[in-house]
Amino acid sequence: MSLIRVERTVPLAPEEVWLRLTDWPAHGRQVPLTRTRVLTPGPNGAGTRFTARTGIGRLSFDDPMEVVHWEPPSAGRPGVCRLEKSGRVVRGWARIEVTGTVGLCRVRWTEELTLRGVPRALDPVLAATGRALFGRALDGLLRGR
């Protein structure tokens, strides 16, 4: 498995950052050739399921995920969301942590994943690619685009 960590500090309230990072369809808008579809009715929380579909036509794969831990930030307490990935191509987990105060917030996105058919020897390449891709997505989500 490849371990990927991306961190950012932004001048936003933790509650606003949480809303932006848990807008699952917005994730798809940040990753090239990807769209995200929420499969369960709202509101978001433990048990929410969604699928990110990446690719074009037959050269596509699904990345189904489920929220298994949901603790929004409140009263000085950090927010934590953990996702489990259960697809045929992508497996693993992701953890989003949001800490901070009204004017300064820190985000830590940690992901551990395996891609079917990719040899373990390529884990460092997968991790570097993941850091670039997730960093770009995180930046877009935090900008609110």
N, C-alpha and C. Protein backbone atom coordinates (compact mmCIF):
# COMPACT_ATOMS: atom_id res chain seq x y z
N MET A 1 0.83 -1.19 0.00
CA MET A 1 0.00 0.00 0.00
C MET A 1 0.87 1.24 0.00
N SER A 2 0.41 2.26 -0.69
CA SER A 2 1.10 3.55 -0.71
C SER A 2 0.46 4.47 0.31
N LEU A 3 1.29 5.11 1.11
CA LEU A 3 0.81 6.08 2.09
C LEU A 3 1.02 7.47 1.53
N ILE A 4 -0.05 8.25 1.52
CA ILE A 4 -0.03 9.60 0.95
C ILE A 4 -0.49 10.56 2.04
N ARG A 5 0.29 11.63 2.24
CA ARG A 5 -0.10 12.67 3.21
C ARG A 5 0.02 14.03 2.54
N VAL A 6 -1.02 14.84 2.73
CA VAL A 6 -1.03 16.21 2.22
C VAL A 6 -1.56 17.09 3.35
N GLU A 7 -0.89 18.20 3.60
CA GLU A 7 -1.32 19.13 4.65
C GLU A 7 -1.40 20.54 4.09
N ARG A 8 -2.37 21.29 4.59
CA ARG A 8 -2.53 22.68 4.20
C ARG A 8 -2.99 23.48 5.42
N THR A 9 -2.63 24.77 5.44
CA THR A 9 -3.13 25.71 6.44
C THR A 9 -3.80 26.84 5.68
N VAL A 10 -5.02 27.16 6.08
CA VAL A 10 -5.80 28.18 5.37
C VAL A 10 -6.47 29.13 6.36
N PRO A 11 -6.72 30.37 5.94
CA PRO A 11 -7.36 31.35 6.83
C PRO A 11 -8.89 31.24 6.79
N LEU A 12 -9.40 30.07 7.12
CA LEU A 12 -10.84 29.81 7.14
C LEU A 12 -11.22 29.17 8.46
N ALA A 13 -12.49 29.26 8.81
CA ALA A 13 -12.99 28.60 10.01
C ALA A 13 -13.05 27.09 9.77
N PRO A 14 -12.78 26.29 10.80
CA PRO A 14 -12.83 24.83 10.64
C PRO A 14 -14.17 24.33 10.09
N GLU A 15 -15.26 24.94 10.51
CA GLU A 15 -16.58 24.51 10.03
C GLU A 15 -16.72 24.71 8.53
N GLU A 16 -16.20 25.82 8.01
CA GLU A 16 -16.25 26.08 6.57
C GLU A 16 -15.36 25.10 5.82
N VAL A 17 -14.18 24.85 6.34
CA VAL A 17 -13.27 23.89 5.72
C VAL A 17 -13.92 22.51 5.68
N TRP A 18 -14.55 22.12 6.76
CA TRP A 18 -15.23 20.82 6.84
C TRP A 18 -16.30 20.70 5.76
N LEU A 19 -17.11 21.74 5.61
CA LEU A 19 -18.16 21.72 4.59
C LEU A 19 -17.56 21.56 3.19
N ARG A 20 -16.49 22.26 2.92
CA ARG A 20 -15.86 22.17 1.60
C ARG A 20 -15.25 20.80 1.36
N LEU A 21 -14.61 20.22 2.37
CA LEU A 21 -13.92 18.94 2.19
C LEU A 21 -14.87 17.75 2.18
N THR A 22 -16.06 17.92 2.70
CA THR A 22 -17.01 16.80 2.72
C THR A 22 -18.14 17.00 1.70
N ASP A 23 -17.92 17.88 0.76
CA ASP A 23 -18.81 18.04 -0.39
C ASP A 23 -18.32 17.03 -1.44
N TRP A 24 -18.83 15.81 -1.37
CA TRP A 24 -18.29 14.70 -2.18
C TRP A 24 -18.36 14.97 -3.68
N PRO A 25 -19.46 15.51 -4.23
CA PRO A 25 -19.45 15.81 -5.67
C PRO A 25 -18.36 16.80 -6.06
N ALA A 26 -18.01 17.73 -5.16
CA ALA A 26 -16.94 18.70 -5.45
C ALA A 26 -15.60 18.00 -5.64
N HIS A 27 -15.38 16.87 -4.97
CA HIS A 27 -14.13 16.13 -5.15
C HIS A 27 -13.96 15.73 -6.61
N GLY A 28 -15.02 15.27 -7.23
CA GLY A 28 -14.95 14.86 -8.62
C GLY A 28 -14.62 16.01 -9.56
N ARG A 29 -15.06 17.20 -9.20
CA ARG A 29 -14.76 18.37 -10.04
C ARG A 29 -13.29 18.78 -9.94
N GLN A 30 -12.58 18.30 -8.93
CA GLN A 30 -11.18 18.67 -8.73
C GLN A 30 -10.20 17.66 -9.33
N VAL A 31 -10.67 16.47 -9.63
CA VAL A 31 -9.80 15.42 -10.16
C VAL A 31 -10.10 15.25 -11.65
N PRO A 32 -9.09 15.37 -12.49
CA PRO A 32 -9.33 15.26 -13.94
C PRO A 32 -10.04 13.96 -14.32
N LEU A 33 -10.97 14.09 -15.26
CA LEU A 33 -11.71 12.95 -15.82
C LEU A 33 -12.49 12.17 -14.77
N THR A 34 -12.94 12.86 -13.73
CA THR A 34 -13.64 12.19 -12.62
C THR A 34 -14.95 12.89 -12.33
N ARG A 35 -15.95 12.09 -12.00
CA ARG A 35 -17.20 12.63 -11.48
C ARG A 35 -17.59 11.76 -10.28
N THR A 36 -18.18 12.41 -9.29
CA THR A 36 -18.53 11.73 -8.05
C THR A 36 -20.04 11.74 -7.89
N ARG A 37 -20.57 10.59 -7.54
CA ARG A 37 -22.02 10.44 -7.35
C ARG A 37 -22.29 9.90 -5.95
N VAL A 38 -23.07 10.64 -5.18
CA VAL A 38 -23.46 10.20 -3.84
C VAL A 38 -24.60 9.20 -3.98
N LEU A 39 -24.47 8.07 -3.29
CA LEU A 39 -25.42 6.97 -3.44
C LEU A 39 -26.45 6.89 -2.33
N THR A 40 -26.26 7.63 -1.25
CA THR A 40 -27.16 7.58 -0.10
C THR A 40 -27.78 8.96 0.11
N PRO A 41 -28.97 9.02 0.68
CA PRO A 41 -29.59 10.33 0.93
C PRO A 41 -28.83 11.08 2.02
N GLY A 42 -28.89 12.42 1.97
CA GLY A 42 -28.22 13.24 2.98
C GLY A 42 -28.96 13.21 4.29
N PRO A 43 -28.41 13.84 5.26
CA PRO A 43 -27.15 14.58 5.25
C PRO A 43 -25.96 13.63 5.34
N ASN A 44 -24.76 14.18 5.09
CA ASN A 44 -23.53 13.41 5.21
C ASN A 44 -23.35 12.92 6.64
N GLY A 45 -22.70 11.77 6.76
CA GLY A 45 -22.40 11.21 8.07
C GLY A 45 -21.89 9.80 7.90
N ALA A 46 -21.68 9.13 9.02
CA ALA A 46 -21.26 7.73 8.96
C ALA A 46 -22.31 6.96 8.17
N GLY A 47 -21.86 6.14 7.24
CA GLY A 47 -22.77 5.38 6.39
C GLY A 47 -23.00 6.00 5.02
N THR A 48 -22.60 7.26 4.84
CA THR A 48 -22.72 7.88 3.52
C THR A 48 -21.84 7.12 2.54
N ARG A 49 -22.39 6.77 1.39
CA ARG A 49 -21.64 6.06 0.35
C ARG A 49 -21.64 6.89 -0.92
N PHE A 50 -20.51 6.88 -1.61
CA PHE A 50 -20.40 7.57 -2.89
C PHE A 50 -19.35 6.88 -3.74
N THR A 51 -19.43 7.15 -5.04
CA THR A 51 -18.49 6.55 -5.99
C THR A 51 -17.89 7.62 -6.86
N ALA A 52 -16.57 7.59 -6.95
CA ALA A 52 -15.86 8.45 -7.89
C ALA A 52 -15.56 7.60 -9.12
N ARG A 53 -16.00 8.04 -10.28
CA ARG A 53 -15.74 7.32 -11.53
C ARG A 53 -14.73 8.13 -12.33
N THR A 54 -13.60 7.50 -12.65
CA THR A 54 -12.50 8.17 -13.33
C THR A 54 -12.23 7.49 -14.66
N GLY A 55 -12.02 8.29 -15.69
CA GLY A 55 -11.66 7.76 -17.00
C GLY A 55 -12.59 8.25 -18.08
N ILE A 56 -12.43 7.63 -19.27
CA ILE A 56 -13.26 7.95 -20.43
C ILE A 56 -13.77 6.64 -21.01
N GLY A 57 -15.09 6.53 -21.13
CA GLY A 57 -15.70 5.36 -21.75
C GLY A 57 -15.27 4.06 -21.09
N ARG A 58 -14.81 3.11 -21.92
CA ARG A 58 -14.40 1.80 -21.42
C ARG A 58 -13.13 1.85 -20.57
N LEU A 59 -12.39 2.92 -20.72
CA LEU A 59 -11.16 3.08 -19.94
C LEU A 59 -11.46 3.84 -18.65
N SER A 60 -12.45 3.35 -17.91
CA SER A 60 -12.89 3.97 -16.67
C SER A 60 -12.89 2.95 -15.55
N PHE A 61 -12.83 3.47 -14.33
CA PHE A 61 -12.98 2.59 -13.17
C PHE A 61 -13.71 3.34 -12.07
N ASP A 62 -14.36 2.59 -11.21
CA ASP A 62 -15.08 3.16 -10.07
C ASP A 62 -14.23 3.05 -8.82
N ASP A 63 -14.35 4.06 -7.97
CA ASP A 63 -13.70 4.08 -6.67
C ASP A 63 -14.80 4.28 -5.63
N PRO A 64 -15.49 3.18 -5.24
CA PRO A 64 -16.56 3.30 -4.25
C PRO A 64 -16.00 3.52 -2.85
N MET A 65 -16.64 4.41 -2.10
CA MET A 65 -16.19 4.76 -0.75
C MET A 65 -17.38 4.83 0.19
N GLU A 66 -17.08 4.61 1.46
CA GLU A 66 -18.09 4.76 2.51
C GLU A 66 -17.47 5.51 3.68
N VAL A 67 -18.24 6.46 4.21
CA VAL A 67 -17.81 7.17 5.41
C VAL A 67 -18.02 6.23 6.59
N VAL A 68 -16.95 5.89 7.29
CA VAL A 68 -17.05 4.97 8.43
C VAL A 68 -16.87 5.68 9.77
N HIS A 69 -16.35 6.91 9.72
CA HIS A 69 -16.23 7.72 10.94
C HIS A 69 -16.52 9.16 10.57
N TRP A 70 -17.36 9.82 11.35
CA TRP A 70 -17.80 11.18 11.03
C TRP A 70 -17.88 11.97 12.32
N GLU A 71 -16.98 12.92 12.48
CA GLU A 71 -16.97 13.76 13.67
C GLU A 71 -16.62 15.18 13.25
N PRO A 72 -17.63 16.01 12.93
CA PRO A 72 -17.36 17.39 12.50
C PRO A 72 -16.67 18.19 13.60
N PRO A 73 -15.89 19.22 13.21
CA PRO A 73 -15.24 20.05 14.22
C PRO A 73 -16.27 20.86 15.01
N SER A 74 -16.01 21.03 16.30
CA SER A 74 -16.90 21.86 17.11
C SER A 74 -16.21 22.21 18.43
N ALA A 75 -16.48 23.40 18.91
CA ALA A 75 -16.00 23.86 20.22
C ALA A 75 -14.54 23.50 20.49
N GLY A 76 -13.68 23.83 19.54
CA GLY A 76 -12.26 23.57 19.73
C GLY A 76 -11.84 22.13 19.53
N ARG A 77 -12.78 21.27 19.19
CA ARG A 77 -12.48 19.85 18.95
C ARG A 77 -12.24 19.65 17.46
N PRO A 78 -11.20 18.89 17.09
CA PRO A 78 -10.93 18.68 15.66
C PRO A 78 -12.02 17.85 14.99
N GLY A 79 -12.14 18.04 13.69
CA GLY A 79 -13.05 17.22 12.89
C GLY A 79 -12.27 16.08 12.26
N VAL A 80 -12.89 14.91 12.22
CA VAL A 80 -12.24 13.73 11.63
C VAL A 80 -13.27 12.97 10.80
N CYS A 81 -12.89 12.65 9.57
CA CYS A 81 -13.71 11.83 8.69
C CYS A 81 -12.82 10.73 8.14
N ARG A 82 -13.30 9.50 8.22
CA ARG A 82 -12.54 8.37 7.67
C ARG A 82 -13.41 7.67 6.63
N LEU A 83 -12.78 7.41 5.48
CA LEU A 83 -13.44 6.74 4.37
C LEU A 83 -12.78 5.40 4.13
N GLU A 84 -13.56 4.41 3.78
CA GLU A 84 -13.03 3.10 3.36
C GLU A 84 -13.30 2.96 1.87
N LYS A 85 -12.27 2.56 1.13
CA LYS A 85 -12.37 2.36 -0.32
C LYS A 85 -12.48 0.87 -0.58
N SER A 86 -13.48 0.47 -1.34
CA SER A 86 -13.76 -0.96 -1.50
C SER A 86 -13.91 -1.39 -2.96
N GLY A 87 -13.25 -0.69 -3.85
CA GLY A 87 -13.41 -1.00 -5.27
C GLY A 87 -12.57 -2.17 -5.74
N ARG A 88 -12.83 -2.58 -6.97
CA ARG A 88 -12.03 -3.65 -7.58
C ARG A 88 -10.66 -3.14 -8.00
N VAL A 89 -10.57 -1.85 -8.31
CA VAL A 89 -9.30 -1.27 -8.76
C VAL A 89 -8.58 -0.56 -7.62
N VAL A 90 -9.32 0.26 -6.86
CA VAL A 90 -8.73 1.03 -5.76
C VAL A 90 -9.26 0.50 -4.43
N ARG A 91 -8.32 0.20 -3.54
CA ARG A 91 -8.68 -0.26 -2.19
C ARG A 91 -7.85 0.52 -1.19
N GLY A 92 -8.36 0.64 0.02
CA GLY A 92 -7.63 1.33 1.08
C GLY A 92 -8.54 2.22 1.89
N TRP A 93 -7.98 3.30 2.40
CA TRP A 93 -8.74 4.22 3.24
C TRP A 93 -8.20 5.64 3.09
N ALA A 94 -9.01 6.60 3.55
CA ALA A 94 -8.60 8.00 3.60
C ALA A 94 -9.10 8.58 4.91
N ARG A 95 -8.31 9.51 5.45
CA ARG A 95 -8.68 10.20 6.69
C ARG A 95 -8.47 11.69 6.48
N ILE A 96 -9.50 12.46 6.77
CA ILE A 96 -9.45 13.91 6.66
C ILE A 96 -9.56 14.47 8.07
N GLU A 97 -8.58 15.29 8.46
CA GLU A 97 -8.58 15.91 9.79
C GLU A 97 -8.57 17.42 9.63
N VAL A 98 -9.43 18.10 10.40
CA VAL A 98 -9.55 19.54 10.35
C VAL A 98 -9.38 20.07 11.77
N THR A 99 -8.37 20.91 11.99
CA THR A 99 -8.13 21.50 13.31
C THR A 99 -7.91 22.99 13.14
N GLY A 100 -8.17 23.75 14.21
CA GLY A 100 -7.87 25.17 14.15
C GLY A 100 -8.88 26.03 14.86
N THR A 101 -8.75 27.30 14.58
CA THR A 101 -9.63 28.31 15.17
C THR A 101 -10.32 29.04 14.03
N VAL A 102 -11.10 30.05 14.38
CA VAL A 102 -11.89 30.77 13.38
C VAL A 102 -11.04 31.33 12.25
N GLY A 103 -9.87 31.88 12.53
CA GLY A 103 -9.08 32.52 11.48
C GLY A 103 -7.97 31.69 10.88
N LEU A 104 -7.72 30.51 11.40
CA LEU A 104 -6.62 29.69 10.90
C LEU A 104 -6.94 28.21 11.10
N CYS A 105 -6.91 27.48 10.01
CA CYS A 105 -7.32 26.08 10.04
C CYS A 105 -6.26 25.21 9.35
N ARG A 106 -6.00 24.07 9.94
CA ARG A 106 -5.04 23.12 9.37
C ARG A 106 -5.79 21.87 8.93
N VAL A 107 -5.45 21.42 7.72
CA VAL A 107 -6.07 20.22 7.14
C VAL A 107 -4.97 19.19 6.94
N ARG A 108 -5.25 17.97 7.34
CA ARG A 108 -4.34 16.85 7.08
C ARG A 108 -5.16 15.77 6.38
N TRP A 109 -4.75 15.45 5.16
CA TRP A 109 -5.40 14.42 4.36
C TRP A 109 -4.40 13.27 4.27
N THR A 110 -4.76 12.13 4.81
CA THR A 110 -3.91 10.95 4.77
C THR A 110 -4.67 9.86 4.05
N GLU A 111 -3.99 9.20 3.15
CA GLU A 111 -4.64 8.15 2.37
C GLU A 111 -3.66 6.99 2.20
N GLU A 112 -4.19 5.79 2.36
CA GLU A 112 -3.40 4.60 2.10
C GLU A 112 -4.17 3.80 1.06
N LEU A 113 -3.52 3.56 -0.08
CA LEU A 113 -4.26 2.86 -1.13
C LEU A 113 -3.40 1.89 -1.91
N THR A 114 -4.10 0.97 -2.51
CA THR A 114 -3.52 -0.02 -3.40
C THR A 114 -4.28 0.04 -4.71
N LEU A 115 -3.55 -0.01 -5.81
CA LEU A 115 -4.17 -0.07 -7.13
C LEU A 115 -3.96 -1.47 -7.68
N ARG A 116 -5.05 -2.11 -8.03
CA ARG A 116 -4.98 -3.46 -8.59
C ARG A 116 -4.10 -3.46 -9.83
N GLY A 117 -3.20 -4.43 -9.87
CA GLY A 117 -2.35 -4.58 -11.03
C GLY A 117 -1.07 -3.75 -10.99
N VAL A 118 -0.93 -2.90 -9.98
CA VAL A 118 0.28 -2.10 -9.85
C VAL A 118 1.21 -2.79 -8.85
N PRO A 119 2.41 -3.18 -9.28
CA PRO A 119 3.33 -3.88 -8.37
C PRO A 119 3.76 -3.00 -7.19
N ARG A 120 4.01 -3.62 -6.06
CA ARG A 120 4.42 -2.90 -4.85
C ARG A 120 5.70 -2.10 -5.08
N ALA A 121 6.53 -2.55 -5.99
CA ALA A 121 7.77 -1.83 -6.28
C ALA A 121 7.49 -0.40 -6.76
N LEU A 122 6.28 -0.18 -7.28
CA LEU A 122 5.91 1.15 -7.77
C LEU A 122 5.20 2.00 -6.71
N ASP A 123 5.12 1.51 -5.47
CA ASP A 123 4.48 2.28 -4.40
C ASP A 123 5.05 3.69 -4.25
N PRO A 124 6.38 3.89 -4.32
CA PRO A 124 6.89 5.27 -4.21
C PRO A 124 6.39 6.18 -5.34
N VAL A 125 6.26 5.65 -6.54
CA VAL A 125 5.75 6.43 -7.66
C VAL A 125 4.27 6.74 -7.44
N LEU A 126 3.52 5.74 -6.99
CA LEU A 126 2.10 5.93 -6.71
C LEU A 126 1.92 6.97 -5.60
N ALA A 127 2.74 6.92 -4.56
CA ALA A 127 2.64 7.88 -3.47
C ALA A 127 2.94 9.30 -3.96
N ALA A 128 3.98 9.47 -4.76
CA ALA A 128 4.33 10.80 -5.28
C ALA A 128 3.22 11.34 -6.19
N THR A 129 2.67 10.48 -7.04
CA THR A 129 1.58 10.88 -7.92
C THR A 129 0.35 11.24 -7.09
N GLY A 130 0.07 10.43 -6.07
CA GLY A 130 -1.06 10.70 -5.19
C GLY A 130 -0.92 12.02 -4.46
N ARG A 131 0.28 12.33 -3.96
CA ARG A 131 0.49 13.61 -3.28
C ARG A 131 0.21 14.78 -4.22
N ALA A 132 0.67 14.68 -5.45
CA ALA A 132 0.42 15.76 -6.42
C ALA A 132 -1.07 15.87 -6.74
N LEU A 133 -1.71 14.74 -7.01
CA LEU A 133 -3.13 14.75 -7.38
C LEU A 133 -4.01 15.20 -6.21
N PHE A 134 -3.79 14.62 -5.03
CA PHE A 134 -4.62 14.99 -3.87
C PHE A 134 -4.31 16.40 -3.40
N GLY A 135 -3.06 16.84 -3.54
CA GLY A 135 -2.73 18.21 -3.19
C GLY A 135 -3.46 19.20 -4.06
N ARG A 136 -3.51 18.91 -5.36
CA ARG A 136 -4.24 19.77 -6.30
C ARG A 136 -5.73 19.78 -5.97
N ALA A 137 -6.29 18.60 -5.69
CA ALA A 137 -7.71 18.51 -5.35
C ALA A 137 -8.00 19.25 -4.05
N LEU A 138 -7.15 19.07 -3.06
CA LEU A 138 -7.34 19.74 -1.77
C LEU A 138 -7.29 21.25 -1.95
N ASP A 139 -6.34 21.74 -2.72
CA ASP A 139 -6.25 23.19 -2.96
C ASP A 139 -7.53 23.72 -3.61
N GLY A 140 -8.05 22.99 -4.60
CA GLY A 140 -9.29 23.41 -5.26
C GLY A 140 -10.48 23.40 -4.31
N LEU A 141 -10.59 22.37 -3.50
CA LEU A 141 -11.69 22.29 -2.55
C LEU A 141 -11.62 23.43 -1.53
N LEU A 142 -10.42 23.73 -1.07
CA LEU A 142 -10.27 24.80 -0.08
C LEU A 142 -10.55 26.18 -0.68
N ARG A 143 -10.30 26.33 -1.99
CA ARG A 143 -10.65 27.60 -2.66
C ARG A 143 -12.15 27.71 -2.88
N GLY A 144 -12.84 26.58 -2.81
CA GLY A 144 -14.29 26.61 -3.00
C GLY A 144 -14.72 26.59 -4.44
N ARG A 145 -13.86 26.07 -5.32
CA ARG A 145 -14.23 26.00 -6.74
C ARG A 145 -14.60 24.60 -7.11
